[in-house]
Amino acid sequence: MKNEEHDDLWQLLAKAKEPAVSPFFARNVLRAIREQEKPAGLFVWLSRRRALTAALGLLAITVAGISTLTRSNRTDQIAALAQEVSDSPDYTVISHLDELLAYEENSAWLDKPVY
């Protein structure tokens, strides 16, 4: 595309110095990329294995704490229900419930007719 309009431009470009690329250009670019990929903060100090171990330990402690709280609440609820049942005036009927059920199973009214 050399024509008279661009003669001045081509003369300037002919005088310009070509950029020189360092022989270690590729290595320097890859090093810069790797430095940007490194995580920052607490996980730099902890390796991935340590971070995973710490996370699993924290999860185990949390689950143990929740199960302990749930177990104590459940025990308190069962104790409250037991106290409520023992204070009930129907406690004598409830205590003999198995005998009443056995009596009903042997009742003649429940026998099915044979056809």
Protein backbone atom coordinates (compact mmCIF):
# COMPACT_ATOMS: atom_id res chain seq x y z
CA MET A 1 0.00 0.00 0.00
CA LYS A 2 2.85 2.28 -0.74
CA ASN A 3 1.59 5.35 -2.47
CA GLU A 4 2.39 9.04 -2.47
CA GLU A 5 -0.04 9.86 0.36
CA HIS A 6 1.78 7.60 2.80
CA ASP A 7 5.41 8.28 1.77
CA ASP A 8 6.10 10.33 4.91
CA LEU A 9 4.66 7.60 7.08
CA TRP A 10 6.75 4.89 5.46
CA GLN A 11 9.89 6.98 5.86
CA LEU A 12 9.18 7.41 9.58
CA LEU A 13 8.45 3.70 10.00
CA ALA A 14 11.73 2.82 8.26
CA LYS A 15 13.62 4.90 10.84
CA ALA A 16 11.78 3.41 13.85
CA LYS A 17 13.61 0.89 15.97
CA GLU A 18 12.07 -2.58 16.12
CA PRO A 19 11.04 -3.66 19.62
CA ALA A 20 13.33 -6.27 21.10
CA VAL A 21 11.74 -9.14 22.98
CA SER A 22 13.54 -10.48 26.02
CA PRO A 23 14.73 -14.08 25.65
CA PHE A 24 12.87 -14.89 28.90
CA PHE A 25 9.60 -13.22 27.87
CA ALA A 26 7.47 -16.40 27.99
CA ARG A 27 8.89 -17.42 31.38
CA ASN A 28 8.19 -13.96 32.83
CA VAL A 29 4.62 -13.95 31.52
CA LEU A 30 3.90 -17.40 33.01
CA ARG A 31 5.40 -16.35 36.37
CA ALA A 32 3.18 -13.25 36.42
CA ILE A 33 0.11 -15.39 35.70
CA ARG A 34 0.98 -17.85 38.49
CA GLU A 35 1.46 -15.02 40.99
CA GLN A 36 -2.02 -13.70 40.22
CA GLU A 37 -3.61 -17.13 40.71
CA LYS A 38 -2.33 -17.56 44.28
CA PRO A 39 -5.14 -17.27 46.85
CA ALA A 40 -4.86 -14.55 49.44
CA GLY A 41 -5.74 -14.41 53.11
CA LEU A 42 -6.01 -17.28 55.53
CA PHE A 43 -5.83 -19.99 52.87
CA VAL A 44 -2.32 -18.86 51.90
CA TRP A 45 -1.16 -19.83 55.37
CA LEU A 46 -3.16 -23.04 55.32
CA SER A 47 -2.53 -25.46 52.54
CA ARG A 48 -5.51 -27.13 50.91
CA ARG A 49 -5.13 -30.24 53.02
CA ARG A 50 -4.95 -28.25 56.22
CA ALA A 51 -7.92 -26.15 55.18
CA LEU A 52 -9.94 -29.29 54.44
CA THR A 53 -8.92 -30.84 57.77
CA ALA A 54 -9.81 -27.66 59.64
CA ALA A 55 -13.20 -27.45 57.89
CA LEU A 56 -14.02 -31.09 58.69
CA GLY A 57 -12.98 -30.59 62.32
CA LEU A 58 -15.18 -27.52 62.63
CA LEU A 59 -18.08 -29.43 61.07
CA ALA A 60 -17.62 -32.32 63.53
CA ILE A 61 -17.56 -29.93 66.50
CA THR A 62 -20.69 -28.17 65.25
CA VAL A 63 -22.59 -31.44 64.74
CA ALA A 64 -21.55 -32.69 68.19
CA GLY A 65 -22.71 -29.46 69.81
CA ILE A 66 -26.06 -29.50 68.05
CA SER A 67 -26.69 -33.15 68.91
CA THR A 68 -25.86 -32.48 72.57
CA LEU A 69 -28.31 -29.58 72.68
CA THR A 70 -31.00 -31.60 70.93
CA ARG A 71 -30.47 -34.58 73.24
CA SER A 72 -30.73 -32.47 76.40
CA ASN A 73 -33.88 -30.73 75.10
CA ARG A 74 -35.42 -34.08 74.18
CA THR A 75 -34.61 -35.49 77.63
CA ASP A 76 -36.21 -32.46 79.27
CA GLN A 77 -39.32 -32.87 77.13
CA ILE A 78 -39.63 -36.57 77.97
CA ALA A 79 -39.21 -35.84 81.67
CA ALA A 80 -41.91 -33.16 81.51
CA LEU A 81 -44.31 -35.54 79.73
CA ALA A 82 -43.61 -38.31 82.23
CA GLN A 83 -44.33 -35.94 85.13
CA GLU A 84 -47.54 -34.80 83.45
CA VAL A 85 -48.72 -38.41 82.95
CA SER A 86 -47.88 -39.44 86.51
CA ASP A 87 -49.79 -36.43 87.89
CA SER A 88 -52.85 -37.24 85.75
CA PRO A 89 -55.91 -38.77 87.47
CA ASP A 90 -56.09 -41.28 84.61
CA TYR A 91 -52.73 -42.75 85.55
CA THR A 92 -54.27 -45.90 87.04
CA VAL A 93 -56.16 -46.56 83.80
CA ILE A 94 -53.00 -45.99 81.77
CA SER A 95 -50.99 -48.31 84.02
CA HIS A 96 -53.50 -51.13 83.39
CA LEU A 97 -53.84 -50.42 79.67
CA ASP A 98 -52.04 -53.61 78.62
CA GLU A 99 -54.52 -55.68 80.64
CA LEU A 100 -57.44 -53.84 79.06
CA LEU A 101 -56.09 -54.44 75.58
CA ALA A 102 -55.57 -58.13 76.31
CA TYR A 103 -59.15 -58.38 77.57
CA GLU A 104 -60.47 -56.71 74.40
CA GLU A 105 -58.51 -59.11 72.18
CA ASN A 106 -60.15 -62.09 73.89
CA SER A 107 -63.65 -60.63 73.83
CA ALA A 108 -66.37 -62.80 72.34
CA TRP A 109 -67.80 -59.76 70.57
CA LEU A 110 -64.69 -59.53 68.37
CA ASP A 111 -64.87 -63.09 67.06
CA LYS A 112 -65.52 -63.10 63.36
CA PRO A 113 -68.19 -65.48 62.12
CA VAL A 114 -67.04 -68.29 59.91
CA TYR A 115 -69.01 -68.67 56.66
